[in-house]
C-alpha cells in the first residue's frame, strides 16, 4: 500500500509542477524536489533519520540553480539570498538543538532537520524560512495535540520533524504568491 501512496504522491507532484510551469526549467526542478521530498518524508517517518546522501545533493542543487538568471527571482532567489537562506536554515535548527540540549540536557532534534531546512533555504532563500517553520510547527501541533490529549503519546514521544518541514514547505509554495503580495 505504501508503494501505491508513494507513486500517487510523485505522480500528483509531477502533474502539479507541469500544470503550473509547463515545459520549463522550474518544472524539472520541482520534479527533482518532489522525488527528494517523498523519499525524505517516508525515510524520516519510518526511521527517524534524514540521510546526508539526500540533503547534501538537495543543498547543492538549490545553490547551483540560483546562478540561472532566467529563473523567477521571487521563487528561486539569486545566489546571495540562496547562500544566506542555506546558512540561516541550518543555524536556526542548530540553535534550537543547542538551546534544548542546554536547557533539558538531552537531544531534542537531529541535525538532519537542520540540513533539510538548510536545503530549503538554498532553494527558496532566507525569506521562506520563517514561513516554513511556522507552517511546519503548526501542522505538527495540529496533528499531534489529539494524541497528547487522549494520551496515546506523551511529551517524551519521538516525532520525526522532517515530514512536517516538507509539509510546511509545500504550504509555503502553495501560498507563495499571496505571501509575496503581502510582503510587497
Protein backbone atom coordinates (compact mmCIF):
# COMPACT_ATOMS: atom_id res chain seq x y z
CA UNK A 1 0.00 0.00 0.00
CA UNK A 2 2.86 2.37 0.80
CA UNK A 3 4.28 1.93 -2.71
CA UNK A 4 0.92 2.90 -4.19
CA UNK A 5 0.78 6.02 -2.00
CA UNK A 6 4.35 6.97 -2.94
CA UNK A 7 3.63 6.57 -6.66
CA UNK A 8 0.41 8.55 -6.31
CA UNK A 9 2.17 11.42 -4.49
CA UNK A 10 5.04 11.53 -7.00
CA UNK A 11 2.58 11.48 -9.92
CA UNK A 12 0.50 14.25 -8.36
CA UNK A 13 3.64 16.31 -7.73
CA UNK A 14 4.75 15.88 -11.33
CA UNK A 15 1.31 16.80 -12.68
CA UNK A 16 1.07 19.88 -10.46
CA UNK A 17 4.58 21.01 -11.47
CA UNK A 18 3.79 20.54 -15.14
CA UNK A 19 0.41 22.26 -14.79
CA UNK A 20 2.00 25.32 -13.16
CA UNK A 21 5.19 25.64 -15.22
CA UNK A 22 4.68 23.67 -18.48
CA UNK A 23 7.94 22.59 -20.23
CA UNK A 24 10.41 24.79 -18.32
CA UNK A 25 13.41 24.53 -16.02
CA UNK A 26 11.24 25.16 -12.91
CA UNK A 27 9.19 22.08 -13.87
CA UNK A 28 12.34 19.97 -13.92
CA UNK A 29 13.46 21.49 -10.61
CA UNK A 30 10.12 20.71 -8.99
CA UNK A 31 10.24 17.15 -10.38
CA UNK A 32 13.58 16.71 -8.59
CA UNK A 33 12.27 18.36 -5.41
CA UNK A 34 9.18 16.13 -5.44
CA UNK A 35 11.29 12.97 -5.61
CA UNK A 36 13.57 14.15 -2.79
CA UNK A 37 10.60 15.21 -0.67
CA UNK A 38 8.86 11.86 -0.98
CA UNK A 39 12.00 9.88 -0.16
CA UNK A 40 12.94 12.08 2.81
CA UNK A 41 9.36 12.14 4.11
CA UNK A 42 8.99 8.37 4.28
CA UNK A 43 12.53 7.62 5.49
CA UNK A 44 12.23 10.10 8.36
CA UNK A 45 8.72 8.93 9.18
CA UNK A 46 9.85 5.31 9.43
CA UNK A 47 13.46 5.53 10.67
CA UNK A 48 13.69 8.98 12.34
CA UNK A 49 16.65 9.95 10.15
CA UNK A 50 17.25 12.20 7.17
CA UNK A 51 20.29 10.85 5.31
CA UNK A 52 23.09 13.18 4.24
CA UNK A 53 23.01 11.40 0.88
CA UNK A 54 19.70 13.19 0.30
CA UNK A 55 20.19 16.57 1.99
CA UNK A 56 23.65 17.36 0.58
CA UNK A 57 22.63 16.94 -3.09
CA UNK A 58 19.45 18.90 -2.36
CA UNK A 59 21.61 21.72 -0.94
CA UNK A 60 23.93 21.65 -3.95
CA UNK A 61 21.08 21.71 -6.49
CA UNK A 62 19.40 24.51 -4.55
CA UNK A 63 22.53 26.62 -4.56
CA UNK A 64 23.69 25.96 -8.13
CA UNK A 65 20.27 26.67 -9.64
CA UNK A 66 20.49 30.15 -8.10
CA UNK A 67 23.05 31.10 -10.76
CA UNK A 68 20.46 30.72 -13.54
CA UNK A 69 19.42 34.30 -14.41
CA UNK A 70 16.29 33.11 -16.22
CA UNK A 71 14.55 31.68 -13.15
CA UNK A 72 11.82 33.58 -11.31
CA UNK A 73 13.81 35.53 -8.70
CA UNK A 74 10.87 35.71 -6.30
CA UNK A 75 10.52 31.93 -6.19
CA UNK A 76 14.16 30.98 -6.79
CA UNK A 77 16.50 33.59 -5.28
CA UNK A 78 19.87 34.71 -6.57
CA UNK A 79 22.99 33.05 -5.20
CA UNK A 80 23.45 35.57 -2.34
CA UNK A 81 19.91 35.07 -0.96
CA UNK A 82 20.29 31.36 -1.57
CA UNK A 83 23.53 31.23 0.40
CA UNK A 84 22.06 33.30 3.24
CA UNK A 85 19.00 31.02 3.27
CA UNK A 86 21.09 27.86 3.39
CA UNK A 87 23.28 29.07 6.24
CA UNK A 88 20.37 30.60 8.17
CA UNK A 89 18.24 27.46 7.74
CA UNK A 90 20.94 25.32 9.27
CA UNK A 91 21.75 27.74 12.08
CA UNK A 92 18.10 28.19 13.14
CA UNK A 93 17.62 24.47 13.78
CA UNK A 94 21.15 24.09 15.16
CA UNK A 95 20.42 26.84 17.69
CA UNK A 96 17.15 25.14 18.70
CA UNK A 97 19.01 21.85 19.17
CA UNK A 98 21.78 23.58 21.15
CA UNK A 99 19.38 25.51 23.39
CA UNK A 100 17.22 22.47 24.08
CA UNK A 101 20.27 20.40 24.98
CA UNK A 102 21.50 23.11 27.36
CA UNK A 103 18.09 23.51 28.99
CA UNK A 104 16.96 19.86 29.13
CA UNK A 105 20.38 18.15 28.96
CA UNK A 106 19.18 15.77 26.24
CA UNK A 107 18.76 15.64 22.48
CA UNK A 108 15.55 17.16 21.11
CA UNK A 109 16.03 17.20 17.34
CA UNK A 110 18.54 15.82 14.92
CA UNK A 111 20.87 17.63 12.56
CA UNK A 112 19.03 16.04 9.63
CA UNK A 113 16.26 18.56 10.26
CA UNK A 114 18.84 21.38 10.21
CA UNK A 115 20.26 20.13 6.92
CA UNK A 116 16.77 19.80 5.41
CA UNK A 117 15.85 23.37 6.39
CA UNK A 118 19.23 24.48 5.07
CA UNK A 119 18.48 22.81 1.73
CA UNK A 120 15.14 24.63 1.55
CA UNK A 121 16.92 27.88 2.35
CA UNK A 122 19.26 27.22 -0.57
CA UNK A 123 16.27 26.50 -2.82
CA UNK A 124 13.94 29.33 -1.84
CA UNK A 125 16.12 31.86 0.01
CA UNK A 126 16.05 33.15 3.54
CA UNK A 127 12.59 34.68 3.12
CA UNK A 128 10.96 31.23 3.10
CA UNK A 129 12.40 30.13 6.44
CA UNK A 130 10.02 31.81 8.91
CA UNK A 131 7.03 30.70 6.87
CA UNK A 132 8.21 27.10 6.54
CA UNK A 133 9.00 26.94 10.27
CA UNK A 134 5.63 28.44 11.16
CA UNK A 135 3.63 26.16 8.86
CA UNK A 136 5.60 23.02 9.82
CA UNK A 137 5.22 23.75 13.53
CA UNK A 138 1.51 24.46 13.12
CA UNK A 139 0.93 21.23 11.20
CA UNK A 140 2.95 19.24 13.77
CA UNK A 141 0.92 20.81 16.57
CA UNK A 142 -2.44 20.16 14.89
CA UNK A 143 -1.60 16.54 14.12
CA UNK A 144 -0.05 15.68 17.49
CA UNK A 145 -2.19 17.51 20.06
CA UNK A 146 -5.07 15.00 19.75
CA UNK A 147 -2.64 12.15 20.56
CA UNK A 148 -1.41 14.07 23.59
CA UNK A 149 -4.94 14.79 24.77
CA UNK A 150 -6.09 11.17 24.50
CA UNK A 151 -2.74 10.09 25.99
CA UNK A 152 -1.62 7.80 23.14
CA UNK A 153 1.51 9.99 23.07
CA UNK A 154 3.25 11.95 25.78
CA UNK A 155 5.75 14.80 25.70
CA UNK A 156 8.63 12.29 25.60
CA UNK A 157 7.37 10.58 22.42
CA UNK A 158 9.73 10.94 19.46
CA UNK A 159 8.21 12.72 16.49
CA UNK A 160 10.03 12.94 13.16
CA UNK A 161 10.02 16.63 12.25
CA UNK A 162 11.33 16.24 8.66
CA UNK A 163 7.89 15.36 7.26
CA UNK A 164 6.45 18.47 8.90
CA UNK A 165 9.22 20.63 7.40
CA UNK A 166 8.34 19.20 3.99
CA UNK A 167 4.62 19.81 4.51
CA UNK A 168 5.40 23.33 5.74
CA UNK A 169 7.41 23.95 2.57
CA UNK A 170 4.56 22.68 0.40
CA UNK A 171 2.12 25.01 2.16
CA UNK A 172 4.59 27.86 1.68
CA UNK A 173 4.85 27.08 -2.04
CA UNK A 174 1.07 26.86 -2.43
CA UNK A 175 0.65 30.24 -0.69
CA UNK A 176 3.77 31.76 -2.24
CA UNK A 177 2.04 34.34 -4.44
CA UNK A 178 -0.15 35.56 -1.57
CA UNK A 179 2.89 35.80 0.71
CA UNK A 180 4.82 37.84 -1.87
CA UNK A 181 1.85 40.21 -2.31
CA UNK A 182 1.59 40.54 1.47
CA UNK A 183 5.31 41.36 1.77
CA UNK A 184 5.18 43.91 -1.04
